[in-house]
Amino acid sequence: MRGWFGASVDDWELIKTYRIEYCQPNQEPPTSRDDEQEVSPFLYVAGDHTDSASLNGALRSGTRCAELVSSAMVPLLLKRGQKVVDEYAKKAGTDSISP
């Protein structure tokens, strides 16, 4: 803390310490769990509790979750996008839209 706040930390006084049991996921080996992140269709969870109880585990979990969301949503968005293009083409009286 001294590196962040300087010499003023020398005057700090500890007021209270809280010990919270089970506040972190179980870290007994193996710690790389790769737990299921899709709870149900279009409902996902991310956090170190699905990987290892660490910043790296949280980041890996978030990355995996983002990839799951992307792989589920991109086909739907592309389908929706094609529907919009098709509707526009129909209104324009053509079968295709030229760039």
PDB file of N, CA and C in Angstrom:
ATOM      1  N   MET A   1       0.821  -1.188   0.000  1.00  0.00           N
ATOM      2  CA  MET A   1       0.000   0.000   0.000  1.00  0.00           C
ATOM      3  C   MET A   1       0.871   1.260   0.000  1.00  0.00           C
ATOM      4  N   ARG A   2       2.060   1.118   0.566  1.00  0.00           N
ATOM      5  CA  ARG A   2       2.963   2.270   0.622  1.00  0.00           C
ATOM      6  C   ARG A   2       3.324   2.749  -0.784  1.00  0.00           C
ATOM      7  N   GLY A   3       3.495   1.808  -1.713  1.00  0.00           N
ATOM      8  CA  GLY A   3       3.810   2.163  -3.091  1.00  0.00           C
ATOM      9  C   GLY A   3       2.705   2.988  -3.742  1.00  0.00           C
ATOM     10  N   TRP A   4       1.496   2.764  -3.321  1.00  0.00           N
ATOM     11  CA  TRP A   4       0.359   3.502  -3.897  1.00  0.00           C
ATOM     12  C   TRP A   4       0.104   4.821  -3.172  1.00  0.00           C
ATOM     13  N   PHE A   5       0.126   4.768  -1.847  1.00  0.00           N
ATOM     14  CA  PHE A   5      -0.325   5.909  -1.051  1.00  0.00           C
ATOM     15  C   PHE A   5       0.788   6.649  -0.310  1.00  0.00           C
ATOM     16  N   GLY A   6       2.009   6.150  -0.406  1.00  0.00           N
ATOM     17  CA  GLY A   6       3.128   6.831   0.243  1.00  0.00           C
ATOM     18  C   GLY A   6       3.228   6.540   1.729  1.00  0.00           C
ATOM     19  N   ALA A   7       4.005   7.374   2.416  1.00  0.00           N
ATOM     20  CA  ALA A   7       4.317   7.178   3.835  1.00  0.00           C
ATOM     21  C   ALA A   7       3.095   7.322   4.737  1.00  0.00           C
ATOM     22  N   SER A   8       2.001   7.882   4.241  1.00  0.00           N
ATOM     23  CA  SER A   8       0.813   8.062   5.091  1.00  0.00           C
ATOM     24  C   SER A   8       0.263   6.733   5.598  1.00  0.00           C
ATOM     25  N   VAL A   9       0.581   5.637   4.900  1.00  0.00           N
ATOM     26  CA  VAL A   9       0.072   4.342   5.355  1.00  0.00           C
ATOM     27  C   VAL A   9       0.663   3.936   6.698  1.00  0.00           C
ATOM     28  N   ASP A  10       1.791   4.506   7.052  1.00  0.00           N
ATOM     29  CA  ASP A  10       2.403   4.180   8.346  1.00  0.00           C
ATOM     30  C   ASP A  10       1.516   4.600   9.514  1.00  0.00           C
ATOM     31  N   ASP A  11       0.637   5.544   9.278  1.00  0.00           N
ATOM     32  CA  ASP A  11      -0.260   6.024  10.334  1.00  0.00           C
ATOM     33  C   ASP A  11      -1.620   5.320  10.321  1.00  0.00           C
ATOM     34  N   TRP A  12      -1.828   4.438   9.363  1.00  0.00           N
ATOM     35  CA  TRP A  12      -3.116   3.743   9.284  1.00  0.00           C
ATOM     36  C   TRP A  12      -3.259   2.784  10.456  1.00  0.00           C
ATOM     37  N   GLU A  13      -4.501   2.572  10.842  1.00  0.00           N
ATOM     38  CA  GLU A  13      -4.800   1.659  11.942  1.00  0.00           C
ATOM     39  C   GLU A  13      -5.837   0.644  11.458  1.00  0.00           C
ATOM     40  N   LEU A  14      -5.534  -0.631  11.681  1.00  0.00           N
ATOM     41  CA  LEU A  14      -6.490  -1.674  11.317  1.00  0.00           C
ATOM     42  C   LEU A  14      -7.706  -1.564  12.227  1.00  0.00           C
ATOM     43  N   ILE A  15      -8.860  -1.441  11.642  1.00  0.00           N
ATOM     44  CA  ILE A  15     -10.093  -1.315  12.429  1.00  0.00           C
ATOM     45  C   ILE A  15     -10.736  -2.677  12.639  1.00  0.00           C
ATOM     46  N   LYS A  16     -10.823  -3.465  11.584  1.00  0.00           N
ATOM     47  CA  LYS A  16     -11.522  -4.754  11.706  1.00  0.00           C
ATOM     48  C   LYS A  16     -11.077  -5.676  10.576  1.00  0.00           C
ATOM     49  N   THR A  17     -11.003  -6.961  10.858  1.00  0.00           N
ATOM     50  CA  THR A  17     -10.740  -7.979   9.850  1.00  0.00           C
ATOM     51  C   THR A  17     -11.932  -8.915   9.815  1.00  0.00           C
ATOM     52  N   TYR A  18     -12.404  -9.208   8.629  1.00  0.00           N
ATOM     53  CA  TYR A  18     -13.518 -10.137   8.461  1.00  0.00           C
ATOM     54  C   TYR A  18     -12.997 -11.413   7.822  1.00  0.00           C
ATOM     55  N   ARG A  19     -13.245 -12.527   8.451  1.00  0.00           N
ATOM     56  CA  ARG A  19     -12.909 -13.836   7.898  1.00  0.00           C
ATOM     57  C   ARG A  19     -14.205 -14.435   7.365  1.00  0.00           C
ATOM     58  N   ILE A  20     -14.252 -14.631   6.083  1.00  0.00           N
ATOM     59  CA  ILE A  20     -15.467 -15.145   5.448  1.00  0.00           C
ATOM     60  C   ILE A  20     -15.169 -16.548   4.921  1.00  0.00           C
ATOM     61  N   GLU A  21     -15.765 -17.541   5.549  1.00  0.00           N
ATOM     62  CA  GLU A  21     -15.551 -18.918   5.131  1.00  0.00           C
ATOM     63  C   GLU A  21     -16.183 -19.161   3.772  1.00  0.00           C
ATOM     64  N   TYR A  22     -15.506 -19.945   2.979  1.00  0.00           N
ATOM     65  CA  TYR A  22     -15.988 -20.360   1.658  1.00  0.00           C
ATOM     66  C   TYR A  22     -16.235 -19.183   0.714  1.00  0.00           C
ATOM     67  N   CYS A  23     -15.496 -18.087   0.884  1.00  0.00           N
ATOM     68  CA  CYS A  23     -15.693 -16.935   0.000  1.00  0.00           C
ATOM     69  C   CYS A  23     -15.052 -17.151  -1.365  1.00  0.00           C
ATOM     70  N   GLN A  24     -14.168 -18.116  -1.488  1.00  0.00           N
ATOM     71  CA  GLN A  24     -13.578 -18.454  -2.769  1.00  0.00           C
ATOM     72  C   GLN A  24     -13.953 -19.882  -3.128  1.00  0.00           C
ATOM     73  N   PRO A  25     -13.985 -20.162  -4.427  1.00  0.00           N
ATOM     74  CA  PRO A  25     -14.270 -21.548  -4.835  1.00  0.00           C
ATOM     75  C   PRO A  25     -13.210 -22.501  -4.301  1.00  0.00           C
ATOM     76  N   ASN A  26     -13.543 -23.757  -4.208  1.00  0.00           N
ATOM     77  CA  ASN A  26     -12.612 -24.789  -3.783  1.00  0.00           C
ATOM     78  C   ASN A  26     -11.389 -24.754  -4.700  1.00  0.00           C
ATOM     79  N   GLN A  27     -10.199 -24.696  -4.114  1.00  0.00           N
ATOM     80  CA  GLN A  27      -8.981 -24.609  -4.911  1.00  0.00           C
ATOM     81  C   GLN A  27      -8.127 -25.861  -4.811  1.00  0.00           C
ATOM     82  N   GLU A  28      -8.740 -26.956  -4.381  1.00  0.00           N
ATOM     83  CA  GLU A  28      -7.995 -28.208  -4.346  1.00  0.00           C
ATOM     84  C   GLU A  28      -7.760 -28.670  -5.779  1.00  0.00           C
ATOM     85  N   PRO A  29      -6.564 -29.236  -6.051  1.00  0.00           N
ATOM     86  CA  PRO A  29      -6.289 -29.698  -7.420  1.00  0.00           C
ATOM     87  C   PRO A  29      -7.329 -30.722  -7.862  1.00  0.00           C
ATOM     88  N   PRO A  30      -7.716 -30.752  -9.105  1.00  0.00           N
ATOM     89  CA  PRO A  30      -7.305 -29.841 -10.167  1.00  0.00           C
ATOM     90  C   PRO A  30      -8.088 -28.522 -10.062  1.00  0.00           C
ATOM     91  N   THR A  31      -7.397 -27.410 -10.274  1.00  0.00           N
ATOM     92  CA  THR A  31      -8.052 -26.109 -10.136  1.00  0.00           C
ATOM     93  C   THR A  31      -8.596 -25.572 -11.445  1.00  0.00           C
ATOM     94  N   SER A  32      -8.226 -26.158 -12.563  1.00  0.00           N
ATOM     95  CA  SER A  32      -8.765 -25.715 -13.843  1.00  0.00           C
ATOM     96  C   SER A  32      -9.997 -26.560 -14.138  1.00  0.00           C
ATOM     97  N   ARG A  33     -11.151 -26.036 -13.769  1.00  0.00           N
ATOM     98  CA  ARG A  33     -12.377 -26.822 -13.829  1.00  0.00           C
ATOM     99  C   ARG A  33     -13.079 -26.752 -15.170  1.00  0.00           C
ATOM    100  N   ASP A  34     -13.040 -25.606 -15.827  1.00  0.00           N
ATOM    101  CA  ASP A  34     -13.781 -25.435 -17.081  1.00  0.00           C
ATOM    102  C   ASP A  34     -15.236 -25.863 -16.921  1.00  0.00           C
ATOM    103  N   ASP A  35     -15.876 -25.419 -15.834  1.00  0.00           N
ATOM    104  CA  ASP A  35     -17.269 -25.777 -15.582  1.00  0.00           C
ATOM    105  C   ASP A  35     -18.177 -25.286 -16.698  1.00  0.00           C
ATOM    106  N   GLU A  36     -19.284 -25.955 -16.845  1.00  0.00           N
ATOM    107  CA  GLU A  36     -20.287 -25.575 -17.844  1.00  0.00           C
ATOM    108  C   GLU A  36     -20.725 -24.142 -17.593  1.00  0.00           C
ATOM    109  N   GLN A  37     -20.782 -23.348 -18.635  1.00  0.00           N
ATOM    110  CA  GLN A  37     -21.151 -21.948 -18.481  1.00  0.00           C
ATOM    111  C   GLN A  37     -22.514 -21.629 -19.076  1.00  0.00           C
ATOM    112  N   GLU A  38     -23.046 -22.527 -19.899  1.00  0.00           N
ATOM    113  CA  GLU A  38     -24.390 -22.303 -20.438  1.00  0.00           C
ATOM    114  C   GLU A  38     -25.371 -22.988 -19.500  1.00  0.00           C
ATOM    115  N   VAL A  39     -26.092 -22.180 -18.744  1.00  0.00           N
ATOM    116  CA  VAL A  39     -27.028 -22.700 -17.749  1.00  0.00           C
ATOM    117  C   VAL A  39     -28.277 -23.229 -18.440  1.00  0.00           C
ATOM    118  N   SER A  40     -28.762 -22.484 -19.403  1.00  0.00           N
ATOM    119  CA  SER A  40     -29.891 -22.863 -20.239  1.00  0.00           C
ATOM    120  C   SER A  40     -29.754 -22.061 -21.523  1.00  0.00           C
ATOM    121  N   PRO A  41     -30.570 -22.338 -22.536  1.00  0.00           N
ATOM    122  CA  PRO A  41     -30.409 -21.580 -23.781  1.00  0.00           C
ATOM    123  C   PRO A  41     -30.421 -20.071 -23.530  1.00  0.00           C
ATOM    124  N   PHE A  42     -29.359 -19.414 -23.985  1.00  0.00           N
ATOM    125  CA  PHE A  42     -29.198 -17.955 -23.892  1.00  0.00           C
ATOM    126  C   PHE A  42     -29.050 -17.447 -22.459  1.00  0.00           C
ATOM    127  N   LEU A  43     -28.664 -18.315 -21.534  1.00  0.00           N
ATOM    128  CA  LEU A  43     -28.360 -17.898 -20.163  1.00  0.00           C
ATOM    129  C   LEU A  43     -26.987 -18.471 -19.805  1.00  0.00           C
ATOM    130  N   TYR A  44     -26.030 -17.578 -19.581  1.00  0.00           N
ATOM    131  CA  TYR A  44     -24.651 -17.968 -19.362  1.00  0.00           C
ATOM    132  C   TYR A  44     -24.137 -17.397 -18.046  1.00  0.00           C
ATOM    133  N   VAL A  45     -23.143 -18.056 -17.478  1.00  0.00           N
ATOM    134  CA  VAL A  45     -22.483 -17.542 -16.276  1.00  0.00           C
ATOM    135  C   VAL A  45     -20.984 -17.457 -16.547  1.00  0.00           C
ATOM    136  N   ALA A  46     -20.343 -16.493 -15.909  1.00  0.00           N
ATOM    137  CA  ALA A  46     -18.893 -16.356 -16.006  1.00  0.00           C
ATOM    138  C   ALA A  46     -18.369 -15.947 -14.640  1.00  0.00           C
ATOM    139  N   GLY A  47     -17.175 -16.353 -14.336  1.00  0.00           N
ATOM    140  CA  GLY A  47     -16.543 -15.983 -13.071  1.00  0.00           C
ATOM    141  C   GLY A  47     -15.490 -16.996 -12.696  1.00  0.00           C
ATOM    142  N   ASP A  48     -14.664 -16.631 -11.716  1.00  0.00           N
ATOM    143  CA  ASP A  48     -13.590 -17.546 -11.333  1.00  0.00           C
ATOM    144  C   ASP A  48     -14.122 -18.845 -10.744  1.00  0.00           C
ATOM    145  N   HIS A  49     -15.391 -18.864 -10.338  1.00  0.00           N
ATOM    146  CA  HIS A  49     -15.956 -20.106  -9.798  1.00  0.00           C
ATOM    147  C   HIS A  49     -16.157 -21.162 -10.880  1.00  0.00           C
ATOM    148  N   THR A  50     -16.079 -20.780 -12.173  1.00  0.00           N
ATOM    149  CA  THR A  50     -16.196 -21.755 -13.256  1.00  0.00           C
ATOM    150  C   THR A  50     -14.829 -22.192 -13.763  1.00  0.00           C
ATOM    151  N   ASP A  51     -13.764 -21.664 -13.175  1.00  0.00           N
ATOM    152  CA  ASP A  51     -12.396 -21.969 -13.599  1.00  0.00           C
ATOM    153  C   ASP A  51     -11.544 -22.077 -12.341  1.00  0.00           C
ATOM    154  N   SER A  52     -10.423 -21.384 -12.305  1.00  0.00           N
ATOM    155  CA  SER A  52      -9.611 -21.358 -11.093  1.00  0.00           C
ATOM    156  C   SER A  52      -9.890 -20.066 -10.337  1.00  0.00           C
ATOM    157  N   ALA A  53      -9.781 -20.108  -9.032  1.00  0.00           N
ATOM    158  CA  ALA A  53     -10.085 -18.948  -8.196  1.00  0.00           C
ATOM    159  C   ALA A  53      -8.932 -17.952  -8.292  1.00  0.00           C
ATOM    160  N   SER A  54      -8.910 -17.223  -9.405  1.00  0.00           N
ATOM    161  CA  SER A  54      -7.836 -16.262  -9.648  1.00  0.00           C
ATOM    162  C   SER A  54      -8.304 -15.251 -10.683  1.00  0.00           C
ATOM    163  N   LEU A  55      -7.526 -14.197 -10.844  1.00  0.00           N
ATOM    164  CA  LEU A  55      -7.837 -13.234 -11.908  1.00  0.00           C
ATOM    165  C   LEU A  55      -7.752 -13.906 -13.272  1.00  0.00           C
ATOM    166  N   ASN A  56      -6.744 -14.746 -13.464  1.00  0.00           N
ATOM    167  CA  ASN A  56      -6.618 -15.460 -14.730  1.00  0.00           C
ATOM    168  C   ASN A  56      -7.819 -16.364 -14.971  1.00  0.00           C
ATOM    169  N   GLY A  57      -8.276 -17.037 -13.919  1.00  0.00           N
ATOM    170  CA  GLY A  57      -9.448 -17.896 -14.055  1.00  0.00           C
ATOM    171  C   GLY A  57     -10.685 -17.097 -14.424  1.00  0.00           C
ATOM    172  N   ALA A  58     -10.831 -15.919 -13.828  1.00  0.00           N
ATOM    173  CA  ALA A  58     -11.967 -15.063 -14.157  1.00  0.00           C
ATOM    174  C   ALA A  58     -11.890 -14.595 -15.607  1.00  0.00           C
ATOM    175  N   LEU A  59     -10.695 -14.232 -16.058  1.00  0.00           N
ATOM    176  CA  LEU A  59     -10.524 -13.790 -17.443  1.00  0.00           C
ATOM    177  C   LEU A  59     -10.764 -14.926 -18.432  1.00  0.00           C
ATOM    178  N   ARG A  60     -10.236 -16.115 -18.117  1.00  0.00           N
ATOM    179  CA  ARG A  60     -10.484 -17.271 -18.993  1.00  0.00           C
ATOM    180  C   ARG A  60     -11.968 -17.579 -19.062  1.00  0.00           C
ATOM    181  N   SER A  61     -12.629 -17.529 -17.917  1.00  0.00           N
ATOM    182  CA  SER A  61     -14.057 -17.796 -17.864  1.00  0.00           C
ATOM    183  C   SER A  61     -14.833 -16.770 -18.688  1.00  0.00           C
ATOM    184  N   GLY A  62     -14.474 -15.507 -18.548  1.00  0.00           N
ATOM    185  CA  GLY A  62     -15.145 -14.460 -19.320  1.00  0.00           C
ATOM    186  C   GLY A  62     -14.937 -14.636 -20.809  1.00  0.00           C
ATOM    187  N   THR A  63     -13.730 -15.032 -21.193  1.00  0.00           N
ATOM    188  CA  THR A  63     -13.440 -15.268 -22.609  1.00  0.00           C
ATOM    189  C   THR A  63     -14.265 -16.428 -23.146  1.00  0.00           C
ATOM    190  N   ARG A  64     -14.294 -17.543 -22.390  1.00  0.00           N
ATOM    191  CA  ARG A  64     -15.099 -18.699 -22.818  1.00  0.00           C
ATOM    192  C   ARG A  64     -16.565 -18.323 -22.929  1.00  0.00           C
ATOM    193  N   CYS A  65     -17.050 -17.556 -21.961  1.00  0.00           N
ATOM    194  CA  CYS A  65     -18.458 -17.157 -21.962  1.00  0.00           C
ATOM    195  C   CYS A  65     -18.751 -16.267 -23.171  1.00  0.00           C
ATOM    196  N   ALA A  66     -17.865 -15.324 -23.459  1.00  0.00           N
ATOM    197  CA  ALA A  66     -18.052 -14.450 -24.624  1.00  0.00           C
ATOM    198  C   ALA A  66     -18.078 -15.266 -25.909  1.00  0.00           C
ATOM    199  N   GLU A  67     -17.227 -16.276 -25.997  1.00  0.00           N
ATOM    200  CA  GLU A  67     -17.215 -17.132 -27.187  1.00  0.00           C
ATOM    201  C   GLU A  67     -18.516 -17.920 -27.306  1.00  0.00           C
ATOM    202  N   LEU A  68     -19.037 -18.402 -26.183  1.00  0.00           N
ATOM    203  CA  LEU A  68     -20.318 -19.115 -26.207  1.00  0.00           C
ATOM    204  C   LEU A  68     -21.456 -18.200 -26.659  1.00  0.00           C
ATOM    205  N   VAL A  69     -21.495 -17.001 -26.099  1.00  0.00           N
ATOM    206  CA  VAL A  69     -22.534 -16.040 -26.466  1.00  0.00           C
ATOM    207  C   VAL A  69     -22.415 -15.703 -27.950  1.00  0.00           C
ATOM    208  N   SER A  70     -21.201 -15.450 -28.397  1.00  0.00           N
ATOM    209  CA  SER A  70     -20.978 -15.107 -29.802  1.00  0.00           C
ATOM    210  C   SER A  70     -21.419 -16.238 -30.720  1.00  0.00           C
ATOM    211  N   SER A  71     -21.030 -17.460 -30.401  1.00  0.00           N
ATOM    212  CA  SER A  71     -21.390 -18.582 -31.275  1.00  0.00           C
ATOM    213  C   SER A  71     -22.893 -18.825 -31.282  1.00  0.00           C
ATOM    214  N   ALA A  72     -23.581 -18.450 -30.212  1.00  0.00           N
ATOM    215  CA  ALA A  72     -25.039 -18.609 -30.170  1.00  0.00           C
ATOM    216  C   ALA A  72     -25.753 -17.456 -30.867  1.00  0.00           C
ATOM    217  N   MET A  73     -25.211 -16.249 -30.748  1.00  0.00           N
ATOM    218  CA  MET A  73     -25.912 -15.063 -31.249  1.00  0.00           C
ATOM    219  C   MET A  73     -25.615 -14.735 -32.709  1.00  0.00           C
ATOM    220  N   VAL A  74     -24.404 -14.953 -33.168  1.00  0.00           N
ATOM    221  CA  VAL A  74     -24.044 -14.566 -34.531  1.00  0.00           C
ATOM    222  C   VAL A  74     -24.964 -15.196 -35.575  1.00  0.00           C
ATOM    223  N   PRO A  75     -25.235 -16.505 -35.508  1.00  0.00           N
ATOM    224  CA  PRO A  75     -26.164 -17.058 -36.507  1.00  0.00           C
ATOM    225  C   PRO A  75     -27.543 -16.399 -36.453  1.00  0.00           C
ATOM    226  N   LEU A  76     -28.013 -16.078 -35.256  1.00  0.00           N
ATOM    227  CA  LEU A  76     -29.314 -15.424 -35.143  1.00  0.00           C
ATOM    228  C   LEU A  76     -29.286 -14.021 -35.736  1.00  0.00           C
ATOM    229  N   LEU A  77     -28.208 -13.295 -35.469  1.00  0.00           N
ATOM    230  CA  LEU A  77     -28.082 -11.939 -36.015  1.00  0.00           C
ATOM    231  C   LEU A  77     -27.938 -11.949 -37.528  1.00  0.00           C
ATOM    232  N   LEU A  78     -27.180 -12.911 -38.043  1.00  0.00           N
ATOM    233  CA  LEU A  78     -27.035 -13.017 -39.491  1.00  0.00           C
ATOM    234  C   LEU A  78     -28.370 -13.342 -40.141  1.00  0.00           C
ATOM    235  N   LYS A  79     -29.119 -14.245 -39.520  1.00  0.00           N
ATOM    236  CA  LYS A  79     -30.442 -14.595 -40.042  1.00  0.00           C
ATOM    237  C   LYS A  79     -31.353 -13.371 -40.020  1.00  0.00           C
ATOM    238  N   ARG A  80     -31.322 -12.630 -38.919  1.00  0.00           N
ATOM    239  CA  ARG A  80     -32.128 -11.405 -38.802  1.00  0.00           C
ATOM    240  C   ARG A  80     -31.692 -10.384 -39.844  1.00  0.00           C
ATOM    241  N   GLY A  81     -30.370 -10.247 -40.018  1.00  0.00           N
ATOM    242  CA  GLY A  81     -29.846  -9.319 -41.014  1.00  0.00           C
ATOM    243  C   GLY A  81     -30.296  -9.688 -42.411  1.00  0.00           C
ATOM    244  N   GLN A  82     -30.285 -10.968 -42.731  1.00  0.00           N
ATOM    245  CA  GLN A  82     -30.731 -11.418 -44.052  1.00  0.00           C
ATOM    246  C   GLN A  82     -32.210 -11.124 -44.245  1.00  0.00           C
ATOM    247  N   LYS A  83     -32.996 -11.284 -43.189  1.00  0.00           N
ATOM    248  CA  LYS A  83     -34.425 -10.991 -43.275  1.00  0.00           C
ATOM    249  C   LYS A  83     -34.650  -9.508 -43.584  1.00  0.00           C
ATOM    250  N   VAL A  84     -33.879  -8.630 -42.934  1.00  0.00           N
ATOM    251  CA  VAL A  84     -33.998  -7.190 -43.179  1.00  0.00           C
ATOM    252  C   VAL A  84     -33.626  -6.870 -44.618  1.00  0.00           C
ATOM    253  N   VAL A  85     -32.529  -7.476 -45.114  1.00  0.00           N
ATOM    254  CA  VAL A  85     -32.100  -7.247 -46.494  1.00  0.00           C
ATOM    255  C   VAL A  85     -33.164  -7.741 -47.465  1.00  0.00           C
ATOM    256  N   ASP A  86     -33.715  -8.930 -47.193  1.00  0.00           N
ATOM    257  CA  ASP A  86     -34.754  -9.485 -48.070  1.00  0.00           C
ATOM    258  C   ASP A  86     -35.992  -8.593 -48.112  1.00  0.00           C
ATOM    259  N   GLU A  87     -36.382  -8.079 -46.945  1.00  0.00           N
ATOM    260  CA  GLU A  87     -37.548  -7.194 -46.897  1.00  0.00           C
ATOM    261  C   GLU A  87     -37.284  -5.907 -47.684  1.00  0.00           C
ATOM    262  N   TYR A  88     -36.078  -5.373 -47.553  1.00  0.00           N
ATOM    263  CA  TYR A  88     -35.720  -4.156 -48.286  1.00  0.00           C
ATOM    264  C   TYR A  88     -35.744  -4.421 -49.797  1.00  0.00           C
ATOM    265  N   ALA A  89     -35.182  -5.565 -50.198  1.00  0.00           N
ATOM    266  CA  ALA A  89     -35.146  -5.915 -51.615  1.00  0.00           C
ATOM    267  C   ALA A  89     -36.558  -6.069 -52.169  1.00  0.00           C
ATOM    268  N   LYS A  90     -37.425  -6.673 -51.397  1.00  0.00           N
ATOM    269  CA  LYS A  90     -38.811  -6.858 -51.838  1.00  0.00           C
ATOM    270  C   LYS A  90     -39.492  -5.504 -52.039  1.00  0.00           C
ATOM    271  N   LYS A  91     -39.292  -4.588 -51.091  1.00  0.00           N
ATOM    272  CA  LYS A  91     -39.867  -3.247 -51.212  1.00  0.00           C
ATOM    273  C   LYS A  91     -39.274  -2.491 -52.400  1.00  0.00           C
ATOM    274  N   ALA A  92     -38.023  -2.742 -52.686  1.00  0.00           N
ATOM    275  CA  ALA A  92     -37.358  -2.077 -53.799  1.00  0.00           C
ATOM    276  C   ALA A  92     -37.719  -2.715 -55.137  1.00  0.00           C
ATOM    277  N   GLY A  93     -38.431  -3.861 -55.084  1.00  0.00           N
ATOM    278  CA  GLY A  93     -38.844  -4.542 -56.299  1.00  0.00           C
ATOM    279  C   GLY A  93     -37.726  -5.283 -56.999  1.00  0.00           C
ATOM    280  N   THR A  94     -36.778  -5.790 -56.232  1.00  0.00           N
ATOM    281  CA  THR A  94     -35.664  -6.538 -56.816  1.00  0.00           C
ATOM    282  C   THR A  94     -35.414  -7.790 -55.987  1.00  0.00           C
ATOM    283  N   ASP A  95     -34.697  -8.736 -56.590  1.00  0.00           N
ATOM    284  CA  ASP A  95     -34.371  -9.970 -55.863  1.00  0.00           C
ATOM    285  C   ASP A  95     -33.050  -9.861 -55.121  1.00  0.00           C
ATOM    286  N   SER A  96     -32.250  -8.844 -55.447  1.00  0.00           N
ATOM    287  CA  SER A  96     -30.954  -8.707 -54.775  1.00  0.00           C
ATOM    288  C   SER A  96     -30.626  -7.244 -54.575  1.00  0.00           C
ATOM    289  N   ILE A  97     -29.727  -7.029 -53.675  1.00  0.00           N
ATOM    290  CA  ILE A  97     -29.279  -5.667 -53.359  1.00  0.00           C
ATOM    291  C   ILE A  97     -27.821  -5.579 -53.811  1.00  0.00           C
ATOM    292  N   SER A  98     -27.531  -4.665 -54.705  1.00  0.00           N
ATOM    293  CA  SER A  98     -26.152  -4.479 -55.160  1.00  0.00           C
ATOM    294  C   SER A  98     -25.458  -3.477 -54.258  1.00  0.00           C
ATOM    295  N   PRO A  99     -24.163  -3.735 -53.944  1.00  0.00           N
ATOM    296  CA  PRO A  99     -23.428  -2.777 -53.096  1.00  0.00           C
ATOM    297  C   PRO A  99     -23.169  -1.480 -53.822  1.00  0.00           C
TER     298      PRO A  99
END
